[in-house]
């Protein structure tokens, strides 16, 4: 699993839940639920949460390796259940 340098993370643009939803093809509500469950790597700015673009790309690229962890698997399963409800 390739790690990101602090510079890559620090200077990466912040994406709103709406922007993340557009990139993932899911609803903004689902993105906020994944953020609340710590399934997506988030950054807090005041009361709002964002995802750094570099972290989202890393998260998507390393999903298969992360899937070995029980927490990530639970997040994926919860995401799939929510999609069928919408």
C-alpha atoms as a PDB file:
ATOM      1  CA  UNK A   1       0.000   0.000   0.000  1.00  0.00           C
ATOM      2  CA  UNK A   2       1.562   3.286  -1.136  1.00  0.00           C
ATOM      3  CA  UNK A   3       1.552   6.055   1.453  1.00  0.00           C
ATOM      4  CA  UNK A   4       0.970   9.720   0.703  1.00  0.00           C
ATOM      5  CA  UNK A   5       3.506  12.316   1.745  1.00  0.00           C
ATOM      6  CA  UNK A   6       2.404  15.027   4.178  1.00  0.00           C
ATOM      7  CA  UNK A   7       2.793  17.594   1.373  1.00  0.00           C
ATOM      8  CA  UNK A   8       0.473  15.638  -0.925  1.00  0.00           C
ATOM      9  CA  UNK A   9      -2.160  15.585   1.784  1.00  0.00           C
ATOM     10  CA  UNK A  10      -1.689  19.125   3.117  1.00  0.00           C
ATOM     11  CA  UNK A  11      -2.012  20.866  -0.251  1.00  0.00           C
ATOM     12  CA  UNK A  12      -4.745  18.664  -1.649  1.00  0.00           C
ATOM     13  CA  UNK A  13      -8.094  20.439  -2.214  1.00  0.00           C
ATOM     14  CA  UNK A  14     -10.913  19.871   0.256  1.00  0.00           C
ATOM     15  CA  UNK A  15     -14.016  18.219  -1.200  1.00  0.00           C
ATOM     16  CA  UNK A  16     -17.483  18.746   0.222  1.00  0.00           C
ATOM     17  CA  UNK A  17     -19.829  15.795   0.771  1.00  0.00           C
ATOM     18  CA  UNK A  18     -21.648  16.847  -2.403  1.00  0.00           C
ATOM     19  CA  UNK A  19     -18.423  16.760  -4.454  1.00  0.00           C
ATOM     20  CA  UNK A  20     -17.444  13.377  -2.993  1.00  0.00           C
ATOM     21  CA  UNK A  21     -20.929  12.046  -3.776  1.00  0.00           C
ATOM     22  CA  UNK A  22     -20.622  13.153  -7.402  1.00  0.00           C
ATOM     23  CA  UNK A  23     -17.262  11.377  -7.737  1.00  0.00           C
ATOM     24  CA  UNK A  24     -18.491   8.179  -6.084  1.00  0.00           C
ATOM     25  CA  UNK A  25     -21.921   8.117  -7.705  1.00  0.00           C
ATOM     26  CA  UNK A  26     -23.779   8.038  -4.391  1.00  0.00           C
ATOM     27  CA  UNK A  27     -25.943  10.537  -2.531  1.00  0.00           C
ATOM     28  CA  UNK A  28     -24.485  13.323  -0.355  1.00  0.00           C
ATOM     29  CA  UNK A  29     -26.490  11.863   2.528  1.00  0.00           C
ATOM     30  CA  UNK A  30     -24.711   8.516   2.093  1.00  0.00           C
ATOM     31  CA  UNK A  31     -21.333  10.316   2.053  1.00  0.00           C
ATOM     32  CA  UNK A  32     -22.196  12.086   5.322  1.00  0.00           C
ATOM     33  CA  UNK A  33     -23.189   8.741   6.841  1.00  0.00           C
ATOM     34  CA  UNK A  34     -19.865   7.214   5.773  1.00  0.00           C
ATOM     35  CA  UNK A  35     -18.040  10.222   7.238  1.00  0.00           C
ATOM     36  CA  UNK A  36     -19.931   9.899  10.522  1.00  0.00           C
ATOM     37  CA  UNK A  37     -19.039   6.195  10.709  1.00  0.00           C
ATOM     38  CA  UNK A  38     -15.343   7.009  10.096  1.00  0.00           C
ATOM     39  CA  UNK A  39     -15.446   5.052   6.832  1.00  0.00           C
ATOM     40  CA  UNK A  40     -14.020   7.946   4.834  1.00  0.00           C
ATOM     41  CA  UNK A  41     -10.889   9.890   5.834  1.00  0.00           C
ATOM     42  CA  UNK A  42     -12.251  13.291   6.836  1.00  0.00           C
ATOM     43  CA  UNK A  43     -10.988  16.720   7.815  1.00  0.00           C
ATOM     44  CA  UNK A  44     -12.985  18.954  10.149  1.00  0.00           C
ATOM     45  CA  UNK A  45     -13.125  22.684   9.545  1.00  0.00           C
ATOM     46  CA  UNK A  46     -15.220  24.090  12.341  1.00  0.00           C
ATOM     47  CA  UNK A  47     -18.422  22.056  12.357  1.00  0.00           C
ATOM     48  CA  UNK A  48     -18.155  20.976   8.712  1.00  0.00           C
ATOM     49  CA  UNK A  49     -16.425  17.872   7.389  1.00  0.00           C
ATOM     50  CA  UNK A  50     -14.497  17.532   4.162  1.00  0.00           C
ATOM     51  CA  UNK A  51     -12.420  14.888   2.403  1.00  0.00           C
ATOM     52  CA  UNK A  52      -9.069  15.805   0.922  1.00  0.00           C
ATOM     53  CA  UNK A  53      -8.948  14.916  -2.762  1.00  0.00           C
ATOM     54  CA  UNK A  54      -5.633  13.049  -2.407  1.00  0.00           C
ATOM     55  CA  UNK A  55      -7.008  10.994   0.482  1.00  0.00           C
ATOM     56  CA  UNK A  56     -10.139  10.096  -1.479  1.00  0.00           C
ATOM     57  CA  UNK A  57      -8.017   8.903  -4.415  1.00  0.00           C
ATOM     58  CA  UNK A  58      -5.801   6.925  -2.037  1.00  0.00           C
ATOM     59  CA  UNK A  59      -8.846   5.445  -0.284  1.00  0.00           C
ATOM     60  CA  UNK A  60     -10.382   4.371  -3.606  1.00  0.00           C
ATOM     61  CA  UNK A  61      -7.117   2.919  -4.902  1.00  0.00           C
ATOM     62  CA  UNK A  62      -6.372   0.965  -1.727  1.00  0.00           C
ATOM     63  CA  UNK A  63      -9.913  -0.244  -1.122  1.00  0.00           C
ATOM     64  CA  UNK A  64      -9.095  -3.918  -1.868  1.00  0.00           C
ATOM     65  CA  UNK A  65      -6.310  -3.919   0.728  1.00  0.00           C
ATOM     66  CA  UNK A  66      -8.425  -2.023   3.227  1.00  0.00           C
ATOM     67  CA  UNK A  67     -11.251  -4.501   2.713  1.00  0.00           C
ATOM     68  CA  UNK A  68      -9.274  -6.997   4.762  1.00  0.00           C
ATOM     69  CA  UNK A  69      -9.990  -4.940   7.874  1.00  0.00           C
ATOM     70  CA  UNK A  70     -13.271  -5.635   9.600  1.00  0.00           C
ATOM     71  CA  UNK A  71     -14.077  -1.916  10.028  1.00  0.00           C
ATOM     72  CA  UNK A  72     -13.752  -1.188   6.323  1.00  0.00           C
ATOM     73  CA  UNK A  73     -15.758  -4.276   5.408  1.00  0.00           C
ATOM     74  CA  UNK A  74     -18.523  -3.145   7.756  1.00  0.00           C
ATOM     75  CA  UNK A  75     -18.496   0.296   6.120  1.00  0.00           C
ATOM     76  CA  UNK A  76     -18.784  -1.167   2.642  1.00  0.00           C
ATOM     77  CA  UNK A  77     -21.633  -3.411   3.737  1.00  0.00           C
ATOM     78  CA  UNK A  78     -23.440  -0.487   5.391  1.00  0.00           C
ATOM     79  CA  UNK A  79     -22.987   1.545   2.217  1.00  0.00           C
ATOM     80  CA  UNK A  80     -24.485  -1.203   0.082  1.00  0.00           C
ATOM     81  CA  UNK A  81     -27.462  -1.602   2.416  1.00  0.00           C
ATOM     82  CA  UNK A  82     -28.134   2.143   2.279  1.00  0.00           C
ATOM     83  CA  UNK A  83     -28.050   2.202  -1.525  1.00  0.00           C
ATOM     84  CA  UNK A  84     -30.808  -0.361  -1.745  1.00  0.00           C
ATOM     85  CA  UNK A  85     -32.985   1.731   0.606  1.00  0.00           C
ATOM     86  CA  UNK A  86     -32.693   4.935  -1.460  1.00  0.00           C
END
